[in-house]
PDB file of all heavy atoms in Angstrom:
ATOM      1  N   GLU A   1     -40.827  -3.706  26.608  1.00  0.00           N
ATOM      2  CA  GLU A   1     -39.931  -4.394  27.520  1.00  0.00           C
ATOM      3  C   GLU A   1     -38.866  -3.425  28.023  1.00  0.00           C
ATOM      4  O   GLU A   1     -38.206  -2.761  27.233  1.00  0.00           O
ATOM      5  CB  GLU A   1     -39.256  -5.569  26.795  1.00  0.00           C
ATOM      6  CG  GLU A   1     -38.246  -6.308  27.647  1.00  0.00           C
ATOM      7  CD  GLU A   1     -37.506  -7.351  26.835  1.00  0.00           C
ATOM      8  OE1 GLU A   1     -37.742  -7.396  25.622  1.00  0.00           O
ATOM      9  OE2 GLU A   1     -36.706  -8.090  27.398  1.00  0.00           O
ATOM     10  N   LYS A   2     -38.738  -3.331  29.343  1.00  0.00           N
ATOM     11  CA  LYS A   2     -37.710  -2.464  29.911  1.00  0.00           C
ATOM     12  C   LYS A   2     -36.341  -3.017  29.563  1.00  0.00           C
ATOM     13  O   LYS A   2     -36.112  -4.222  29.639  1.00  0.00           O
ATOM     14  CB  LYS A   2     -37.859  -2.365  31.426  1.00  0.00           C
ATOM     15  CG  LYS A   2     -36.839  -1.424  32.049  1.00  0.00           C
ATOM     16  CD  LYS A   2     -37.039  -1.296  33.541  1.00  0.00           C
ATOM     17  CE  LYS A   2     -35.982  -0.378  34.141  1.00  0.00           C
ATOM     18  NZ  LYS A   2     -36.138  -0.237  35.595  1.00  0.00           N
ATOM     19  N   ILE A   3     -35.434  -2.139  29.158  1.00  0.00           N
ATOM     20  CA  ILE A   3     -34.091  -2.552  28.758  1.00  0.00           C
ATOM     21  C   ILE A   3     -33.175  -2.505  29.962  1.00  0.00           C
ATOM     22  O   ILE A   3     -33.034  -1.474  30.615  1.00  0.00           O
ATOM     23  CB  ILE A   3     -33.548  -1.639  27.647  1.00  0.00           C
ATOM     24  CG1 ILE A   3     -34.468  -1.711  26.426  1.00  0.00           C
ATOM     25  CG2 ILE A   3     -32.128  -2.008  27.274  1.00  0.00           C
ATOM     26  CD1 ILE A   3     -34.149  -0.688  25.376  1.00  0.00           C
ATOM     27  N   VAL A   4     -32.566  -3.634  30.291  1.00  0.00           N
ATOM     28  CA  VAL A   4     -31.603  -3.691  31.386  1.00  0.00           C
ATOM     29  C   VAL A   4     -30.233  -3.356  30.828  1.00  0.00           C
ATOM     30  O   VAL A   4     -29.743  -4.015  29.908  1.00  0.00           O
ATOM     31  CB  VAL A   4     -31.584  -5.101  32.027  1.00  0.00           C
ATOM     32  CG1 VAL A   4     -30.573  -5.154  33.151  1.00  0.00           C
ATOM     33  CG2 VAL A   4     -32.973  -5.450  32.539  1.00  0.00           C
ATOM     34  N   ARG A   5     -29.633  -2.308  31.328  1.00  0.00           N
ATOM     35  CA  ARG A   5     -28.335  -1.867  30.811  1.00  0.00           C
ATOM     36  C   ARG A   5     -27.255  -2.843  31.257  1.00  0.00           C
ATOM     37  O   ARG A   5     -27.066  -3.064  32.439  1.00  0.00           O
ATOM     38  CB  ARG A   5     -28.013  -0.461  31.304  1.00  0.00           C
ATOM     39  CG  ARG A   5     -28.993   0.573  30.773  1.00  0.00           C
ATOM     40  CD  ARG A   5     -28.583   1.971  31.172  1.00  0.00           C
ATOM     41  NE  ARG A   5     -29.552   2.944  30.723  1.00  0.00           N
ATOM     42  CZ  ARG A   5     -29.577   3.452  29.501  1.00  0.00           C
ATOM     43  NH1 ARG A   5     -28.671   3.081  28.633  1.00  0.00           N
ATOM     44  NH2 ARG A   5     -30.490   4.330  29.146  1.00  0.00           N
ATOM     45  N   GLY A   6     -26.574  -3.412  30.275  1.00  0.00           N
ATOM     46  CA  GLY A   6     -25.513  -4.357  30.570  1.00  0.00           C
ATOM     47  C   GLY A   6     -24.232  -3.928  29.899  1.00  0.00           C
ATOM     48  O   GLY A   6     -24.070  -2.767  29.521  1.00  0.00           O
ATOM     49  N   PRO A   7     -23.281  -4.849  29.697  1.00  0.00           N
ATOM     50  CA  PRO A   7     -22.018  -4.499  29.032  1.00  0.00           C
ATOM     51  C   PRO A   7     -22.277  -3.991  27.617  1.00  0.00           C
ATOM     52  O   PRO A   7     -23.085  -4.548  26.881  1.00  0.00           O
ATOM     53  CB  PRO A   7     -21.256  -5.845  29.020  1.00  0.00           C
ATOM     54  CG  PRO A   7     -21.883  -6.652  30.105  1.00  0.00           C
ATOM     55  CD  PRO A   7     -23.324  -6.238  30.149  1.00  0.00           C
ATOM     56  N   GLN A   8     -21.593  -2.905  27.241  1.00  0.00           N
ATOM     57  CA  GLN A   8     -21.784  -2.291  25.935  1.00  0.00           C
ATOM     58  C   GLN A   8     -20.942  -3.021  24.903  1.00  0.00           C
ATOM     59  O   GLN A   8     -19.713  -3.009  24.961  1.00  0.00           O
ATOM     60  CB  GLN A   8     -21.395  -0.805  25.978  1.00  0.00           C
ATOM     61  CG  GLN A   8     -22.213   0.007  26.963  1.00  0.00           C
ATOM     62  CD  GLN A   8     -23.663   0.108  26.534  1.00  0.00           C
ATOM     63  OE1 GLN A   8     -23.954   0.451  25.407  1.00  0.00           O
ATOM     64  NE2 GLN A   8     -24.574  -0.194  27.438  1.00  0.00           N
ATOM     65  N   THR A   9     -21.605  -3.677  23.939  1.00  0.00           N
ATOM     66  CA  THR A   9     -20.899  -4.395  22.884  1.00  0.00           C
ATOM     67  C   THR A   9     -20.912  -3.637  21.569  1.00  0.00           C
ATOM     68  O   THR A   9     -20.265  -4.024  20.616  1.00  0.00           O
ATOM     69  CB  THR A   9     -21.541  -5.771  22.662  1.00  0.00           C
ATOM     70  OG1 THR A   9     -22.923  -5.591  22.342  1.00  0.00           O
ATOM     71  CG2 THR A   9     -21.442  -6.618  23.921  1.00  0.00           C
ATOM     72  N   VAL A  10     -21.681  -2.556  21.482  1.00  0.00           N
ATOM     73  CA  VAL A  10     -21.791  -1.763  20.257  1.00  0.00           C
ATOM     74  C   VAL A  10     -21.294  -0.355  20.543  1.00  0.00           C
ATOM     75  O   VAL A  10     -21.698   0.261  21.521  1.00  0.00           O
ATOM     76  CB  VAL A  10     -23.248  -1.718  19.760  1.00  0.00           C
ATOM     77  CG1 VAL A  10     -23.337  -0.894  18.494  1.00  0.00           C
ATOM     78  CG2 VAL A  10     -23.759  -3.128  19.511  1.00  0.00           C
ATOM     79  N   VAL A  11     -20.402   0.140  19.715  1.00  0.00           N
ATOM     80  CA  VAL A  11     -19.845   1.471  19.887  1.00  0.00           C
ATOM     81  C   VAL A  11     -20.464   2.399  18.864  1.00  0.00           C
ATOM     82  O   VAL A  11     -20.393   2.141  17.660  1.00  0.00           O
ATOM     83  CB  VAL A  11     -18.305   1.447  19.741  1.00  0.00           C
ATOM     84  CG1 VAL A  11     -17.746   2.835  19.915  1.00  0.00           C
ATOM     85  CG2 VAL A  11     -17.702   0.479  20.745  1.00  0.00           C
ATOM     86  N   CYS A  12     -21.094   3.483  19.333  1.00  0.00           N
ATOM     87  CA  CYS A  12     -21.702   4.488  18.454  1.00  0.00           C
ATOM     88  C   CYS A  12     -22.706   3.878  17.486  1.00  0.00           C
ATOM     89  O   CYS A  12     -22.860   4.350  16.362  1.00  0.00           O
ATOM     90  CB  CYS A  12     -20.625   5.244  17.681  1.00  0.00           C
ATOM     91  SG  CYS A  12     -19.559   6.227  18.741  1.00  0.00           S
ATOM     92  N   GLY A  13     -23.356   2.809  17.897  1.00  0.00           N
ATOM     93  CA  GLY A  13     -24.419   2.249  17.085  1.00  0.00           C
ATOM     94  C   GLY A  13     -23.960   1.485  15.865  1.00  0.00           C
ATOM     95  O   GLY A  13     -24.736   1.185  14.983  1.00  0.00           O
ATOM     96  N   THR A  14     -22.674   1.145  15.783  1.00  0.00           N
ATOM     97  CA  THR A  14     -22.193   0.414  14.623  1.00  0.00           C
ATOM     98  C   THR A  14     -21.486  -0.846  15.079  1.00  0.00           C
ATOM     99  O   THR A  14     -20.964  -0.929  16.180  1.00  0.00           O
ATOM    100  CB  THR A  14     -21.213   1.258  13.791  1.00  0.00           C
ATOM    101  OG1 THR A  14     -20.071   1.574  14.602  1.00  0.00           O
ATOM    102  CG2 THR A  14     -21.858   2.538  13.315  1.00  0.00           C
ATOM    103  N   THR A  15     -21.477  -1.817  14.207  1.00  0.00           N
ATOM    104  CA  THR A  15     -20.738  -3.037  14.463  1.00  0.00           C
ATOM    105  C   THR A  15     -20.372  -3.638  13.124  1.00  0.00           C
ATOM    106  O   THR A  15     -20.831  -3.192  12.083  1.00  0.00           O
ATOM    107  CB  THR A  15     -21.572  -4.037  15.295  1.00  0.00           C
ATOM    108  OG1 THR A  15     -20.782  -5.188  15.591  1.00  0.00           O
ATOM    109  CG2 THR A  15     -22.812  -4.485  14.559  1.00  0.00           C
ATOM    110  N   SER A  16     -19.563  -4.650  13.134  1.00  0.00           N
ATOM    111  CA  SER A  16     -19.199  -5.304  11.882  1.00  0.00           C
ATOM    112  C   SER A  16     -20.128  -6.470  11.625  1.00  0.00           C
ATOM    113  O   SER A  16     -20.738  -7.002  12.547  1.00  0.00           O
ATOM    114  CB  SER A  16     -17.747  -5.805  11.968  1.00  0.00           C
ATOM    115  OG  SER A  16     -17.662  -6.868  12.905  1.00  0.00           O
ATOM    116  N   PRO A  17     -20.267  -6.901  10.355  1.00  0.00           N
ATOM    117  CA  PRO A  17     -21.129  -8.039  10.084  1.00  0.00           C
ATOM    118  C   PRO A  17     -20.725  -9.282  10.867  1.00  0.00           C
ATOM    119  O   PRO A  17     -21.572 -10.063  11.276  1.00  0.00           O
ATOM    120  CB  PRO A  17     -20.961  -8.234   8.566  1.00  0.00           C
ATOM    121  CG  PRO A  17     -20.559  -6.885   8.053  1.00  0.00           C
ATOM    122  CD  PRO A  17     -19.724  -6.288   9.156  1.00  0.00           C
ATOM    123  N   ALA A  18     -19.426  -9.466  11.086  1.00  0.00           N
ATOM    124  CA  ALA A  18     -18.976 -10.630  11.842  1.00  0.00           C
ATOM    125  C   ALA A  18     -19.465 -10.572  13.280  1.00  0.00           C
ATOM    126  O   ALA A  18     -19.889 -11.571  13.858  1.00  0.00           O
ATOM    127  CB  ALA A  18     -17.455 -10.718  11.803  1.00  0.00           C
ATOM    128  N   ASP A  19     -19.396  -9.404  13.900  1.00  0.00           N
ATOM    129  CA  ASP A  19     -19.855  -9.256  15.275  1.00  0.00           C
ATOM    130  C   ASP A  19     -21.347  -9.518  15.371  1.00  0.00           C
ATOM    131  O   ASP A  19     -21.822 -10.160  16.310  1.00  0.00           O
ATOM    132  CB  ASP A  19     -19.550  -7.845  15.788  1.00  0.00           C
ATOM    133  CG  ASP A  19     -18.058  -7.608  15.937  1.00  0.00           C
ATOM    134  OD1 ASP A  19     -17.320  -8.599  16.044  1.00  0.00           O
ATOM    135  OD2 ASP A  19     -17.639  -6.441  15.922  1.00  0.00           O
ATOM    136  N   ALA A  20     -22.116  -8.985  14.400  1.00  0.00           N
ATOM    137  CA  ALA A  20     -23.559  -9.194  14.439  1.00  0.00           C
ATOM    138  C   ALA A  20     -23.890 -10.668  14.270  1.00  0.00           C
ATOM    139  O   ALA A  20     -24.791 -11.202  14.916  1.00  0.00           O
ATOM    140  CB  ALA A  20     -24.239  -8.364  13.344  1.00  0.00           C
ATOM    141  N   GLY A  21     -23.164 -11.369  13.386  1.00  0.00           N
ATOM    142  CA  GLY A  21     -23.418 -12.783  13.202  1.00  0.00           C
ATOM    143  C   GLY A  21     -23.058 -13.591  14.433  1.00  0.00           C
ATOM    144  O   GLY A  21     -23.735 -14.556  14.784  1.00  0.00           O
ATOM    145  N   ALA A  22     -21.951 -13.209  15.107  1.00  0.00           N
ATOM    146  CA  ALA A  22     -21.541 -13.910  16.312  1.00  0.00           C
ATOM    147  C   ALA A  22     -22.585 -13.772  17.401  1.00  0.00           C
ATOM    148  O   ALA A  22     -22.774 -14.669  18.209  1.00  0.00           O
ATOM    149  CB  ALA A  22     -20.188 -13.389  16.796  1.00  0.00           C
ATOM    150  N   ALA A  23     -23.271 -12.633  17.418  1.00  0.00           N
ATOM    151  CA  ALA A  23     -24.297 -12.429  18.427  1.00  0.00           C
ATOM    152  C   ALA A  23     -25.566 -13.195  18.105  1.00  0.00           C
ATOM    153  O   ALA A  23     -26.472 -13.272  18.938  1.00  0.00           O
ATOM    154  CB  ALA A  23     -24.607 -10.935  18.565  1.00  0.00           C
ATOM    155  N   GLY A  24     -25.657 -13.754  16.892  1.00  0.00           N
ATOM    156  CA  GLY A  24     -26.820 -14.526  16.520  1.00  0.00           C
ATOM    157  C   GLY A  24     -28.070 -13.704  16.276  1.00  0.00           C
ATOM    158  O   GLY A  24     -29.180 -14.225  16.395  1.00  0.00           O
ATOM    159  N   LEU A  25     -27.912 -12.439  15.915  1.00  0.00           N
ATOM    160  CA  LEU A  25     -29.068 -11.570  15.710  1.00  0.00           C
ATOM    161  C   LEU A  25     -29.470 -11.549  14.240  1.00  0.00           C
ATOM    162  O   LEU A  25     -28.608 -11.478  13.362  1.00  0.00           O
ATOM    163  CB  LEU A  25     -28.749 -10.136  16.162  1.00  0.00           C
ATOM    164  CG  LEU A  25     -28.445  -9.944  17.640  1.00  0.00           C
ATOM    165  CD1 LEU A  25     -28.077  -8.490  17.922  1.00  0.00           C
ATOM    166  CD2 LEU A  25     -29.626 -10.356  18.500  1.00  0.00           C
ATOM    167  N   PRO A  26     -30.766 -11.575  13.946  1.00  0.00           N
ATOM    168  CA  PRO A  26     -31.203 -11.440  12.547  1.00  0.00           C
ATOM    169  C   PRO A  26     -30.935 -10.037  12.029  1.00  0.00           C
ATOM    170  O   PRO A  26     -30.819  -9.088  12.810  1.00  0.00           O
ATOM    171  CB  PRO A  26     -32.703 -11.735  12.615  1.00  0.00           C
ATOM    172  CG  PRO A  26     -33.087 -11.423  14.020  1.00  0.00           C
ATOM    173  CD  PRO A  26     -31.891 -11.752  14.869  1.00  0.00           C
ATOM    174  N   GLN A  27     -30.845  -9.909  10.706  1.00  0.00           N
ATOM    175  CA  GLN A  27     -30.550  -8.616  10.087  1.00  0.00           C
ATOM    176  C   GLN A  27     -31.618  -8.284   9.047  1.00  0.00           C
ATOM    177  O   GLN A  27     -32.207  -9.177   8.442  1.00  0.00           O
ATOM    178  CB  GLN A  27     -29.170  -8.639   9.430  1.00  0.00           C
ATOM    179  CG  GLN A  27     -28.033  -8.915  10.404  1.00  0.00           C
ATOM    180  CD  GLN A  27     -26.704  -9.074   9.696  1.00  0.00           C
ATOM    181  OE1 GLN A  27     -26.598  -8.827   8.493  1.00  0.00           O
ATOM    182  NE2 GLN A  27     -25.684  -9.504  10.429  1.00  0.00           N
ATOM    183  N   ALA A  28     -31.850  -6.991   8.846  1.00  0.00           N
ATOM    184  CA  ALA A  28     -32.821  -6.535   7.852  1.00  0.00           C
ATOM    185  C   ALA A  28     -32.458  -5.119   7.447  1.00  0.00           C
ATOM    186  O   ALA A  28     -31.651  -4.449   8.109  1.00  0.00           O
ATOM    187  CB  ALA A  28     -34.245  -6.607   8.398  1.00  0.00           C
ATOM    188  N   MET A  29     -33.064  -4.649   6.357  1.00  0.00           N
ATOM    189  CA  MET A  29     -32.811  -3.295   5.860  1.00  0.00           C
ATOM    190  C   MET A  29     -33.931  -2.365   6.301  1.00  0.00           C
ATOM    191  O   MET A  29     -35.104  -2.748   6.318  1.00  0.00           O
ATOM    192  CB  MET A  29     -32.708  -3.301   4.334  1.00  0.00           C
ATOM    193  CG  MET A  29     -32.441  -1.943   3.706  1.00  0.00           C
ATOM    194  SD  MET A  29     -32.174  -2.024   1.911  1.00  0.00           S
ATOM    195  CE  MET A  29     -30.507  -2.718   1.860  1.00  0.00           C
ATOM    196  N   VAL A  30     -33.562  -1.135   6.659  1.00  0.00           N
ATOM    197  CA  VAL A  30     -34.545  -0.133   7.072  1.00  0.00           C
ATOM    198  C   VAL A  30     -35.321   0.322   5.847  1.00  0.00           C
ATOM    199  O   VAL A  30     -34.739   0.788   4.857  1.00  0.00           O
ATOM    200  CB  VAL A  30     -33.848   1.063   7.753  1.00  0.00           C
ATOM    201  CG1 VAL A  30     -34.859   2.169   8.052  1.00  0.00           C
ATOM    202  CG2 VAL A  30     -33.164   0.617   9.035  1.00  0.00           C
ATOM    203  N   ALA A  31     -36.652   0.196   5.914  1.00  0.00           N
ATOM    204  CA  ALA A  31     -37.507   0.593   4.805  1.00  0.00           C
ATOM    205  C   ALA A  31     -38.120   1.972   5.015  1.00  0.00           C
ATOM    206  O   ALA A  31     -38.423   2.672   4.051  1.00  0.00           O
ATOM    207  CB  ALA A  31     -38.625  -0.430   4.593  1.00  0.00           C
ATOM    208  N   ALA A  32     -38.315   2.385   6.264  1.00  0.00           N
ATOM    209  CA  ALA A  32     -38.884   3.700   6.570  1.00  0.00           C
ATOM    210  C   ALA A  32     -38.712   3.959   8.054  1.00  0.00           C
ATOM    211  O   ALA A  32     -38.591   3.021   8.858  1.00  0.00           O
ATOM    212  CB  ALA A  32     -40.362   3.773   6.190  1.00  0.00           C
ATOM    213  N   VAL A  33     -38.690   5.240   8.424  1.00  0.00           N
ATOM    214  CA  VAL A  33     -38.605   5.644   9.830  1.00  0.00           C
ATOM    215  C   VAL A  33     -39.716   6.664  10.069  1.00  0.00           C
ATOM    216  O   VAL A  33     -39.749   7.715   9.426  1.00  0.00           O
ATOM    217  CB  VAL A  33     -37.235   6.264  10.174  1.00  0.00           C
ATOM    218  CG1 VAL A  33     -37.182   6.660  11.637  1.00  0.00           C
ATOM    219  CG2 VAL A  33     -36.108   5.287   9.845  1.00  0.00           C
ATOM    220  N   HIS A  34     -40.644   6.342  10.993  1.00  0.00           N
ATOM    221  CA  HIS A  34     -41.783   7.215  11.266  1.00  0.00           C
ATOM    222  C   HIS A  34     -41.993   7.339  12.771  1.00  0.00           C
ATOM    223  O   HIS A  34     -42.279   6.347  13.442  1.00  0.00           O
ATOM    224  CB  HIS A  34     -43.067   6.670  10.634  1.00  0.00           C
ATOM    225  CG  HIS A  34     -43.047   6.620   9.142  1.00  0.00           C
ATOM    226  ND1 HIS A  34     -42.901   7.744   8.346  1.00  0.00           N
ATOM    227  CD2 HIS A  34     -43.137   5.579   8.276  1.00  0.00           C
ATOM    228  CE1 HIS A  34     -42.910   7.392   7.075  1.00  0.00           C
ATOM    229  NE2 HIS A  34     -43.046   6.092   7.004  1.00  0.00           N
ATOM    230  N   HIS A  35     -41.827   8.553  13.307  1.00  0.00           N
ATOM    231  CA  HIS A  35     -42.190   8.860  14.689  1.00  0.00           C
ATOM    232  C   HIS A  35     -41.607   7.842  15.680  1.00  0.00           C
ATOM    233  O   HIS A  35     -42.307   7.335  16.558  1.00  0.00           O
ATOM    234  CB  HIS A  35     -43.705   8.918  14.841  1.00  0.00           C
ATOM    235  CG  HIS A  35     -44.372   9.855  13.887  1.00  0.00           C
ATOM    236  ND1 HIS A  35     -44.163  11.222  13.903  1.00  0.00           N
ATOM    237  CD2 HIS A  35     -45.217   9.625  12.855  1.00  0.00           C
ATOM    238  CE1 HIS A  35     -44.868  11.790  12.942  1.00  0.00           C
ATOM    239  NE2 HIS A  35     -45.509  10.850  12.285  1.00  0.00           N
ATOM    240  N   GLY A  36     -40.335   7.532  15.527  1.00  0.00           N
ATOM    241  CA  GLY A  36     -39.685   6.628  16.459  1.00  0.00           C
ATOM    242  C   GLY A  36     -39.833   5.160  16.108  1.00  0.00           C
ATOM    243  O   GLY A  36     -39.160   4.315  16.707  1.00  0.00           O
TER     244      GLY A  36
END
């Protein structure tokens, strides 16, 4: 899916748990990173 650039709500790839919850996004832990 092409990403439409909109208002930036995340600074330097970090946010607080409260902000993430307010956005209604699910959360999970990174288990591995392979080739992107």
